[in-house]
Amino acid sequence: MADSKLRLALAKNFGELLHELRLKRGLSLSKLGRASGLDMTFIHNLEHGKRQPTLTTIFALAKALGKRGSTILRKLEGSVSA
């Protein structure tokens, strides 16, 4: 998969996963933002594939969602073919 296509696929798939996990926890963007220390607009942009998270961001979101960062990374890795 070409680098730009992989980047787009990762951003899209991470956003979908984040959205799904947030809804399963019954969290609004605002509540997830407070729990993770991230701006809710930034989280919205992540969910819509407009931004890409750093590892620090992934682990902050994972903690706020009651997940391990490694679990989220494994799910994301399984969602794209490199």
N, C-alpha and C. Protein backbone atom coordinates (compact mmCIF):
# COMPACT_ATOMS: atom_id res chain seq x y z
N MET A 1 0.86 -1.18 0.00
CA MET A 1 0.00 0.00 0.00
C MET A 1 0.90 1.23 0.00
N ALA A 2 0.63 2.17 -0.88
CA ALA A 2 1.43 3.39 -0.96
C ALA A 2 1.33 4.17 0.34
N ASP A 3 2.39 4.94 0.64
CA ASP A 3 2.48 5.66 1.90
C ASP A 3 1.29 6.57 2.15
N SER A 4 0.88 7.36 1.16
CA SER A 4 -0.24 8.28 1.36
C SER A 4 -1.56 7.53 1.54
N LYS A 5 -1.73 6.42 0.84
CA LYS A 5 -2.94 5.62 0.99
C LYS A 5 -2.97 4.98 2.38
N LEU A 6 -1.83 4.53 2.86
CA LEU A 6 -1.74 3.94 4.19
C LEU A 6 -2.07 4.98 5.25
N ARG A 7 -1.52 6.18 5.10
CA ARG A 7 -1.82 7.26 6.05
C ARG A 7 -3.31 7.55 6.12
N LEU A 8 -3.94 7.65 4.95
CA LEU A 8 -5.38 7.92 4.89
C LEU A 8 -6.18 6.78 5.51
N ALA A 9 -5.79 5.55 5.20
CA ALA A 9 -6.49 4.39 5.75
C ALA A 9 -6.34 4.33 7.27
N LEU A 10 -5.15 4.61 7.77
CA LEU A 10 -4.93 4.60 9.22
C LEU A 10 -5.76 5.68 9.91
N ALA A 11 -5.77 6.87 9.35
CA ALA A 11 -6.53 7.97 9.94
C ALA A 11 -8.02 7.64 9.96
N LYS A 12 -8.53 7.11 8.86
CA LYS A 12 -9.94 6.75 8.76
C LYS A 12 -10.29 5.64 9.74
N ASN A 13 -9.48 4.59 9.75
CA ASN A 13 -9.76 3.43 10.60
C ASN A 13 -9.59 3.77 12.08
N PHE A 14 -8.59 4.59 12.42
CA PHE A 14 -8.45 5.00 13.81
C PHE A 14 -9.67 5.80 14.25
N GLY A 15 -10.11 6.70 13.39
CA GLY A 15 -11.28 7.52 13.71
C GLY A 15 -12.52 6.68 13.94
N GLU A 16 -12.74 5.69 13.09
CA GLU A 16 -13.90 4.82 13.25
C GLU A 16 -13.81 4.02 14.54
N LEU A 17 -12.61 3.52 14.85
CA LEU A 17 -12.41 2.76 16.08
C LEU A 17 -12.62 3.63 17.31
N LEU A 18 -12.07 4.83 17.28
CA LEU A 18 -12.23 5.75 18.40
C LEU A 18 -13.70 6.07 18.62
N HIS A 19 -14.41 6.36 17.56
CA HIS A 19 -15.84 6.67 17.64
C HIS A 19 -16.61 5.50 18.25
N GLU A 20 -16.33 4.30 17.77
CA GLU A 20 -17.00 3.10 18.26
C GLU A 20 -16.73 2.89 19.76
N LEU A 21 -15.47 3.02 20.16
CA LEU A 21 -15.12 2.83 21.57
C LEU A 21 -15.75 3.90 22.46
N ARG A 22 -15.77 5.12 21.97
CA ARG A 22 -16.37 6.22 22.74
C ARG A 22 -17.86 5.98 22.96
N LEU A 23 -18.55 5.57 21.91
CA LEU A 23 -19.99 5.32 22.03
C LEU A 23 -20.27 4.12 22.95
N LYS A 24 -19.44 3.08 22.85
CA LYS A 24 -19.62 1.91 23.71
C LYS A 24 -19.48 2.28 25.19
N ARG A 25 -18.64 3.25 25.49
CA ARG A 25 -18.45 3.72 26.86
C ARG A 25 -19.51 4.75 27.26
N GLY A 26 -20.33 5.16 26.30
CA GLY A 26 -21.37 6.13 26.58
C GLY A 26 -20.83 7.52 26.86
N LEU A 27 -19.71 7.86 26.22
CA LEU A 27 -19.07 9.15 26.45
C LEU A 27 -19.36 10.13 25.32
N SER A 28 -19.61 11.36 25.69
CA SER A 28 -19.71 12.43 24.70
C SER A 28 -18.29 12.86 24.34
N LEU A 29 -18.16 13.65 23.30
CA LEU A 29 -16.84 14.20 22.96
C LEU A 29 -16.29 15.01 24.12
N SER A 30 -17.16 15.77 24.75
CA SER A 30 -16.76 16.61 25.86
C SER A 30 -16.24 15.78 27.04
N LYS A 31 -16.96 14.73 27.39
CA LYS A 31 -16.54 13.88 28.51
C LYS A 31 -15.22 13.16 28.20
N LEU A 32 -15.08 12.67 26.97
CA LEU A 32 -13.82 12.02 26.60
C LEU A 32 -12.69 13.03 26.61
N GLY A 33 -12.98 14.25 26.17
CA GLY A 33 -11.96 15.29 26.20
C GLY A 33 -11.48 15.58 27.62
N ARG A 34 -12.41 15.70 28.55
CA ARG A 34 -12.04 15.94 29.95
C ARG A 34 -11.25 14.77 30.52
N ALA A 35 -11.70 13.55 30.22
CA ALA A 35 -11.05 12.35 30.77
C ALA A 35 -9.65 12.14 30.20
N SER A 36 -9.44 12.56 28.97
CA SER A 36 -8.15 12.33 28.31
C SER A 36 -7.23 13.55 28.34
N GLY A 37 -7.79 14.72 28.69
CA GLY A 37 -7.00 15.94 28.67
C GLY A 37 -6.83 16.51 27.27
N LEU A 38 -7.70 16.07 26.34
CA LEU A 38 -7.62 16.53 24.95
C LEU A 38 -8.83 17.39 24.62
N ASP A 39 -8.65 18.29 23.69
CA ASP A 39 -9.74 19.16 23.23
C ASP A 39 -10.76 18.35 22.45
N MET A 40 -12.05 18.60 22.72
CA MET A 40 -13.09 17.82 22.05
C MET A 40 -13.11 18.06 20.53
N THR A 41 -12.69 19.23 20.08
CA THR A 41 -12.61 19.48 18.64
C THR A 41 -11.53 18.61 18.01
N PHE A 42 -10.42 18.45 18.73
CA PHE A 42 -9.34 17.58 18.25
C PHE A 42 -9.84 16.14 18.16
N ILE A 43 -10.57 15.69 19.18
CA ILE A 43 -11.11 14.32 19.17
C ILE A 43 -12.09 14.16 18.01
N HIS A 44 -12.93 15.16 17.78
CA HIS A 44 -13.86 15.13 16.65
C HIS A 44 -13.09 14.98 15.34
N ASN A 45 -12.02 15.74 15.19
CA ASN A 45 -11.21 15.65 13.96
C ASN A 45 -10.54 14.29 13.83
N LEU A 46 -10.13 13.70 14.95
CA LEU A 46 -9.57 12.34 14.91
C LEU A 46 -10.63 11.36 14.44
N GLU A 47 -11.83 11.46 15.00
CA GLU A 47 -12.91 10.55 14.63
C GLU A 47 -13.30 10.65 13.17
N HIS A 48 -13.09 11.80 12.57
CA HIS A 48 -13.44 12.00 11.17
C HIS A 48 -12.24 11.85 10.23
N GLY A 49 -11.13 11.35 10.76
CA GLY A 49 -9.96 11.09 9.93
C GLY A 49 -9.25 12.33 9.43
N LYS A 50 -9.53 13.48 10.06
CA LYS A 50 -8.91 14.73 9.63
C LYS A 50 -7.57 14.99 10.31
N ARG A 51 -7.32 14.28 11.40
CA ARG A 51 -6.05 14.41 12.14
C ARG A 51 -5.53 13.01 12.43
N GLN A 52 -4.22 12.93 12.66
CA GLN A 52 -3.60 11.67 13.04
C GLN A 52 -3.02 11.80 14.44
N PRO A 53 -3.26 10.80 15.28
CA PRO A 53 -2.80 10.89 16.65
C PRO A 53 -1.32 10.53 16.82
N THR A 54 -0.72 11.11 17.83
CA THR A 54 0.62 10.68 18.24
C THR A 54 0.43 9.48 19.17
N LEU A 55 1.53 8.81 19.50
CA LEU A 55 1.44 7.72 20.46
C LEU A 55 0.94 8.21 21.81
N THR A 56 1.38 9.39 22.21
CA THR A 56 0.93 9.97 23.47
C THR A 56 -0.59 10.14 23.46
N THR A 57 -1.12 10.63 22.36
CA THR A 57 -2.56 10.82 22.22
C THR A 57 -3.30 9.49 22.27
N ILE A 58 -2.78 8.49 21.57
CA ILE A 58 -3.43 7.17 21.57
C ILE A 58 -3.50 6.61 22.98
N PHE A 59 -2.41 6.74 23.73
CA PHE A 59 -2.39 6.19 25.08
C PHE A 59 -3.26 6.99 26.04
N ALA A 60 -3.36 8.29 25.86
CA ALA A 60 -4.25 9.12 26.69
C ALA A 60 -5.70 8.75 26.42
N LEU A 61 -6.05 8.57 25.17
CA LEU A 61 -7.41 8.19 24.81
C LEU A 61 -7.73 6.78 25.32
N ALA A 62 -6.77 5.88 25.16
CA ALA A 62 -6.97 4.50 25.62
C ALA A 62 -7.26 4.47 27.11
N LYS A 63 -6.48 5.20 27.88
CA LYS A 63 -6.69 5.23 29.33
C LYS A 63 -8.08 5.77 29.66
N ALA A 64 -8.48 6.84 28.99
CA ALA A 64 -9.79 7.44 29.23
C ALA A 64 -10.93 6.50 28.83
N LEU A 65 -10.66 5.62 27.88
CA LEU A 65 -11.66 4.68 27.40
C LEU A 65 -11.61 3.34 28.14
N GLY A 66 -10.70 3.22 29.10
CA GLY A 66 -10.57 1.98 29.85
C GLY A 66 -9.95 0.86 29.06
N LYS A 67 -9.11 1.21 28.11
CA LYS A 67 -8.43 0.23 27.25
C LYS A 67 -6.93 0.39 27.39
N ARG A 68 -6.22 -0.60 26.91
CA ARG A 68 -4.75 -0.50 26.84
C ARG A 68 -4.40 0.09 25.47
N GLY A 69 -3.38 0.92 25.46
CA GLY A 69 -2.93 1.49 24.18
C GLY A 69 -2.57 0.41 23.19
N SER A 70 -1.94 -0.66 23.68
CA SER A 70 -1.53 -1.75 22.80
C SER A 70 -2.73 -2.44 22.16
N THR A 71 -3.83 -2.51 22.88
CA THR A 71 -5.04 -3.12 22.32
C THR A 71 -5.57 -2.29 21.15
N ILE A 72 -5.57 -0.99 21.32
CA ILE A 72 -6.02 -0.11 20.25
C ILE A 72 -5.09 -0.22 19.04
N LEU A 73 -3.80 -0.25 19.29
CA LEU A 73 -2.85 -0.37 18.18
C LEU A 73 -3.00 -1.70 17.45
N ARG A 74 -3.24 -2.79 18.19
CA ARG A 74 -3.45 -4.09 17.54
C ARG A 74 -4.69 -4.07 16.66
N LYS A 75 -5.78 -3.49 17.19
CA LYS A 75 -7.01 -3.41 16.40
C LYS A 75 -6.78 -2.57 15.15
N LEU A 76 -6.05 -1.49 15.30
CA LEU A 76 -5.78 -0.63 14.15
C LEU A 76 -4.90 -1.34 13.13
N GLU A 77 -3.90 -2.04 13.62
CA GLU A 77 -3.01 -2.78 12.72
C GLU A 77 -3.79 -3.84 11.93
N GLY A 78 -4.74 -4.48 12.60
CA GLY A 78 -5.55 -5.49 11.93
C GLY A 78 -6.53 -4.93 10.92
N SER A 79 -6.74 -3.62 10.97
CA SER A 79 -7.73 -3.01 10.08
C SER A 79 -7.16 -2.57 8.74
N VAL A 80 -5.85 -2.57 8.62
CA VAL A 80 -5.22 -2.16 7.36
C VAL A 80 -4.22 -3.23 6.92
N SER A 81 -4.04 -3.33 5.62
CA SER A 81 -3.02 -4.24 5.11
C SER A 81 -1.88 -3.40 4.57
N ALA A 82 -0.72 -3.61 5.14
CA ALA A 82 0.45 -2.78 4.76
C ALA A 82 1.12 -3.31 3.52
